[in-house]
Amino acid sequence: LAMLKKLSEGKFVYWKKDKTNRDYLSELSATQLHQPFREATFAFEWVWYGDAPIGASDFERLQVQFKEFLSLISSSPKP
């Protein structure tokens, strides 16, 4: 949710309650944010919907990935 909020505030996507991750990926398709968002989305869906257990090392790796993506949003040129 933090990623979507930051993407919306930066005008990279237009947030709407009923949109899917695929909808947001489509909006980001022409940006440098597309692939990192795709990777973060895959990780989120794998854990959340796939009910995949993660250990401490997986959590730390994913936390770094998400934080790096949030930084990338901040440093990306506005559309």
N, C-alpha and C. Protein backbone atom coordinates (compact mmCIF):
# COMPACT_ATOMS: atom_id res chain seq x y z
N LEU A 1 0.82 -1.20 0.00
CA LEU A 1 0.00 0.00 0.00
C LEU A 1 0.86 1.26 0.00
N ALA A 2 1.99 1.19 0.69
CA ALA A 2 2.89 2.35 0.71
C ALA A 2 3.41 2.65 -0.69
N MET A 3 3.70 1.59 -1.45
CA MET A 3 4.18 1.79 -2.82
C MET A 3 3.09 2.43 -3.68
N LEU A 4 1.87 1.93 -3.57
CA LEU A 4 0.78 2.49 -4.36
C LEU A 4 0.51 3.94 -3.98
N LYS A 5 0.58 4.23 -2.70
CA LYS A 5 0.36 5.61 -2.26
C LYS A 5 1.42 6.52 -2.85
N LYS A 6 2.66 6.11 -2.80
CA LYS A 6 3.76 6.93 -3.31
C LYS A 6 3.67 7.06 -4.84
N LEU A 7 3.32 5.98 -5.52
CA LEU A 7 3.14 6.04 -6.97
C LEU A 7 2.01 6.99 -7.34
N SER A 8 0.94 6.96 -6.58
CA SER A 8 -0.20 7.83 -6.85
C SER A 8 0.15 9.29 -6.57
N GLU A 9 0.83 9.53 -5.46
CA GLU A 9 1.23 10.91 -5.13
C GLU A 9 2.16 11.48 -6.20
N GLY A 10 3.00 10.63 -6.79
CA GLY A 10 3.91 11.07 -7.83
C GLY A 10 3.29 11.12 -9.20
N LYS A 11 2.01 10.80 -9.30
CA LYS A 11 1.25 10.81 -10.55
C LYS A 11 1.75 9.77 -11.55
N PHE A 12 2.36 8.69 -11.05
CA PHE A 12 2.78 7.59 -11.91
C PHE A 12 1.61 6.66 -12.20
N VAL A 13 0.69 6.55 -11.24
CA VAL A 13 -0.53 5.76 -11.41
C VAL A 13 -1.68 6.56 -10.82
N TYR A 14 -2.88 6.16 -11.21
CA TYR A 14 -4.08 6.76 -10.63
C TYR A 14 -4.74 5.71 -9.77
N TRP A 15 -4.71 5.92 -8.45
CA TRP A 15 -5.23 4.95 -7.52
C TRP A 15 -6.75 4.87 -7.62
N LYS A 16 -7.25 3.65 -7.56
CA LYS A 16 -8.69 3.41 -7.52
C LYS A 16 -8.89 2.12 -6.75
N LYS A 17 -9.86 2.11 -5.89
CA LYS A 17 -10.08 0.99 -4.96
C LYS A 17 -10.16 -0.37 -5.65
N ASP A 18 -10.80 -0.43 -6.80
CA ASP A 18 -11.03 -1.73 -7.43
C ASP A 18 -9.98 -2.13 -8.47
N LYS A 19 -8.90 -1.38 -8.57
CA LYS A 19 -7.85 -1.73 -9.53
C LYS A 19 -7.03 -2.90 -9.01
N THR A 20 -6.48 -3.65 -9.95
CA THR A 20 -5.62 -4.78 -9.60
C THR A 20 -4.15 -4.39 -9.79
N ASN A 21 -3.28 -5.24 -9.29
CA ASN A 21 -1.84 -5.00 -9.51
C ASN A 21 -1.53 -5.00 -11.00
N ARG A 22 -2.22 -5.83 -11.75
CA ARG A 22 -2.03 -5.86 -13.21
C ARG A 22 -2.40 -4.52 -13.84
N ASP A 23 -3.46 -3.87 -13.34
CA ASP A 23 -3.85 -2.54 -13.84
C ASP A 23 -2.72 -1.53 -13.60
N TYR A 24 -2.15 -1.57 -12.40
CA TYR A 24 -1.07 -0.64 -12.08
C TYR A 24 0.18 -0.95 -12.92
N LEU A 25 0.46 -2.23 -13.13
CA LEU A 25 1.59 -2.60 -13.98
C LEU A 25 1.41 -2.04 -15.38
N SER A 26 0.22 -2.09 -15.88
CA SER A 26 -0.08 -1.56 -17.20
C SER A 26 0.20 -0.04 -17.26
N GLU A 27 -0.19 0.66 -16.22
CA GLU A 27 0.05 2.10 -16.17
C GLU A 27 1.54 2.43 -16.12
N LEU A 28 2.33 1.53 -15.55
CA LEU A 28 3.77 1.76 -15.41
C LEU A 28 4.58 1.20 -16.57
N SER A 29 3.92 0.64 -17.56
CA SER A 29 4.62 -0.10 -18.62
C SER A 29 5.68 0.72 -19.35
N ALA A 30 5.51 1.99 -19.49
CA ALA A 30 6.46 2.82 -20.23
C ALA A 30 7.46 3.53 -19.31
N THR A 31 7.57 3.08 -18.08
CA THR A 31 8.46 3.75 -17.13
C THR A 31 9.53 2.79 -16.63
N GLN A 32 10.55 3.36 -16.01
CA GLN A 32 11.60 2.54 -15.40
C GLN A 32 11.10 1.86 -14.13
N LEU A 33 9.91 2.19 -13.68
CA LEU A 33 9.34 1.61 -12.47
C LEU A 33 8.61 0.30 -12.73
N HIS A 34 8.37 -0.01 -13.99
CA HIS A 34 7.58 -1.20 -14.33
C HIS A 34 8.19 -2.49 -13.79
N GLN A 35 9.44 -2.77 -14.11
CA GLN A 35 10.06 -4.03 -13.71
C GLN A 35 10.22 -4.15 -12.19
N PRO A 36 10.72 -3.11 -11.51
CA PRO A 36 10.81 -3.22 -10.05
C PRO A 36 9.44 -3.40 -9.38
N PHE A 37 8.41 -2.73 -9.91
CA PHE A 37 7.07 -2.90 -9.35
C PHE A 37 6.56 -4.31 -9.62
N ARG A 38 6.87 -4.83 -10.78
CA ARG A 38 6.47 -6.20 -11.13
C ARG A 38 7.10 -7.20 -10.16
N GLU A 39 8.38 -7.02 -9.87
CA GLU A 39 9.07 -7.92 -8.95
C GLU A 39 8.51 -7.82 -7.54
N ALA A 40 8.26 -6.59 -7.09
CA ALA A 40 7.70 -6.40 -5.75
C ALA A 40 6.29 -6.96 -5.66
N THR A 41 5.51 -6.77 -6.72
CA THR A 41 4.15 -7.30 -6.76
C THR A 41 4.15 -8.82 -6.73
N PHE A 42 5.06 -9.42 -7.48
CA PHE A 42 5.16 -10.88 -7.49
C PHE A 42 5.47 -11.39 -6.09
N ALA A 43 6.42 -10.75 -5.41
CA ALA A 43 6.80 -11.16 -4.06
C ALA A 43 5.60 -11.02 -3.11
N PHE A 44 4.90 -9.90 -3.20
CA PHE A 44 3.75 -9.68 -2.35
C PHE A 44 2.68 -10.75 -2.58
N GLU A 45 2.35 -10.98 -3.85
CA GLU A 45 1.30 -11.96 -4.15
C GLU A 45 1.71 -13.37 -3.76
N TRP A 46 2.97 -13.68 -3.92
CA TRP A 46 3.50 -14.99 -3.56
C TRP A 46 3.30 -15.26 -2.06
N VAL A 47 3.58 -14.24 -1.25
CA VAL A 47 3.46 -14.40 0.20
C VAL A 47 2.00 -14.25 0.63
N TRP A 48 1.31 -13.22 0.16
CA TRP A 48 -0.02 -12.91 0.63
C TRP A 48 -1.06 -13.91 0.13
N TYR A 49 -1.12 -14.10 -1.17
CA TYR A 49 -2.15 -14.97 -1.75
C TYR A 49 -1.70 -16.43 -1.81
N GLY A 50 -0.42 -16.64 -1.94
CA GLY A 50 0.09 -18.00 -2.02
C GLY A 50 0.30 -18.63 -0.67
N ASP A 51 0.10 -17.81 0.37
CA ASP A 51 0.24 -18.29 1.74
C ASP A 51 1.63 -18.90 1.95
N ALA A 52 2.61 -18.34 1.26
CA ALA A 52 3.97 -18.86 1.34
C ALA A 52 4.64 -18.40 2.62
N PRO A 53 5.18 -19.32 3.37
CA PRO A 53 5.90 -18.91 4.58
C PRO A 53 7.24 -18.28 4.22
N ILE A 54 7.63 -17.27 4.95
CA ILE A 54 8.94 -16.67 4.72
C ILE A 54 9.69 -16.62 6.04
N GLY A 55 10.99 -16.83 5.93
CA GLY A 55 11.85 -16.75 7.11
C GLY A 55 12.41 -15.36 7.27
N ALA A 56 13.22 -15.20 8.29
CA ALA A 56 13.81 -13.89 8.58
C ALA A 56 14.68 -13.39 7.43
N SER A 57 15.46 -14.26 6.82
CA SER A 57 16.34 -13.81 5.74
C SER A 57 15.53 -13.40 4.51
N ASP A 58 14.44 -14.13 4.21
CA ASP A 58 13.56 -13.74 3.11
C ASP A 58 12.91 -12.40 3.39
N PHE A 59 12.45 -12.23 4.63
CA PHE A 59 11.81 -10.97 5.00
C PHE A 59 12.78 -9.81 4.84
N GLU A 60 14.00 -9.97 5.31
CA GLU A 60 14.99 -8.90 5.20
C GLU A 60 15.29 -8.56 3.74
N ARG A 61 15.41 -9.59 2.89
CA ARG A 61 15.67 -9.37 1.48
C ARG A 61 14.51 -8.62 0.82
N LEU A 62 13.28 -9.03 1.13
CA LEU A 62 12.11 -8.36 0.57
C LEU A 62 11.96 -6.95 1.10
N GLN A 63 12.28 -6.75 2.36
CA GLN A 63 12.21 -5.41 2.95
C GLN A 63 13.16 -4.46 2.23
N VAL A 64 14.37 -4.93 1.95
CA VAL A 64 15.34 -4.11 1.21
C VAL A 64 14.79 -3.81 -0.18
N GLN A 65 14.23 -4.82 -0.85
CA GLN A 65 13.68 -4.64 -2.19
C GLN A 65 12.58 -3.58 -2.19
N PHE A 66 11.67 -3.65 -1.23
CA PHE A 66 10.58 -2.69 -1.17
C PHE A 66 11.10 -1.29 -0.87
N LYS A 67 12.05 -1.17 0.05
CA LYS A 67 12.61 0.14 0.38
C LYS A 67 13.35 0.74 -0.82
N GLU A 68 14.07 -0.08 -1.56
CA GLU A 68 14.76 0.40 -2.75
C GLU A 68 13.75 0.90 -3.79
N PHE A 69 12.64 0.19 -3.90
CA PHE A 69 11.62 0.63 -4.84
C PHE A 69 11.02 1.97 -4.43
N LEU A 70 10.76 2.14 -3.14
CA LEU A 70 10.24 3.43 -2.66
C LEU A 70 11.22 4.56 -2.96
N SER A 71 12.51 4.30 -2.82
CA SER A 71 13.53 5.31 -3.15
C SER A 71 13.55 5.59 -4.64
N LEU A 72 13.39 4.56 -5.44
CA LEU A 72 13.37 4.72 -6.90
C LEU A 72 12.21 5.60 -7.33
N ILE A 73 11.07 5.44 -6.69
CA ILE A 73 9.91 6.28 -7.01
C ILE A 73 10.27 7.75 -6.77
N SER A 74 10.89 8.02 -5.63
CA SER A 74 11.24 9.40 -5.27
C SER A 74 12.23 10.02 -6.24
N SER A 75 13.12 9.20 -6.79
CA SER A 75 14.16 9.74 -7.67
C SER A 75 13.78 9.71 -9.15
N SER A 76 12.63 9.14 -9.48
CA SER A 76 12.21 9.05 -10.88
C SER A 76 11.63 10.36 -11.35
N PRO A 77 11.90 10.71 -12.62
CA PRO A 77 11.30 11.93 -13.17
C PRO A 77 9.79 11.81 -13.23
N LYS A 78 9.12 12.85 -12.88
CA LYS A 78 7.66 12.84 -12.87
C LYS A 78 7.13 12.80 -14.30
N PRO A 79 6.04 12.06 -14.49
CA PRO A 79 5.46 11.97 -15.84
C PRO A 79 4.84 13.28 -16.29
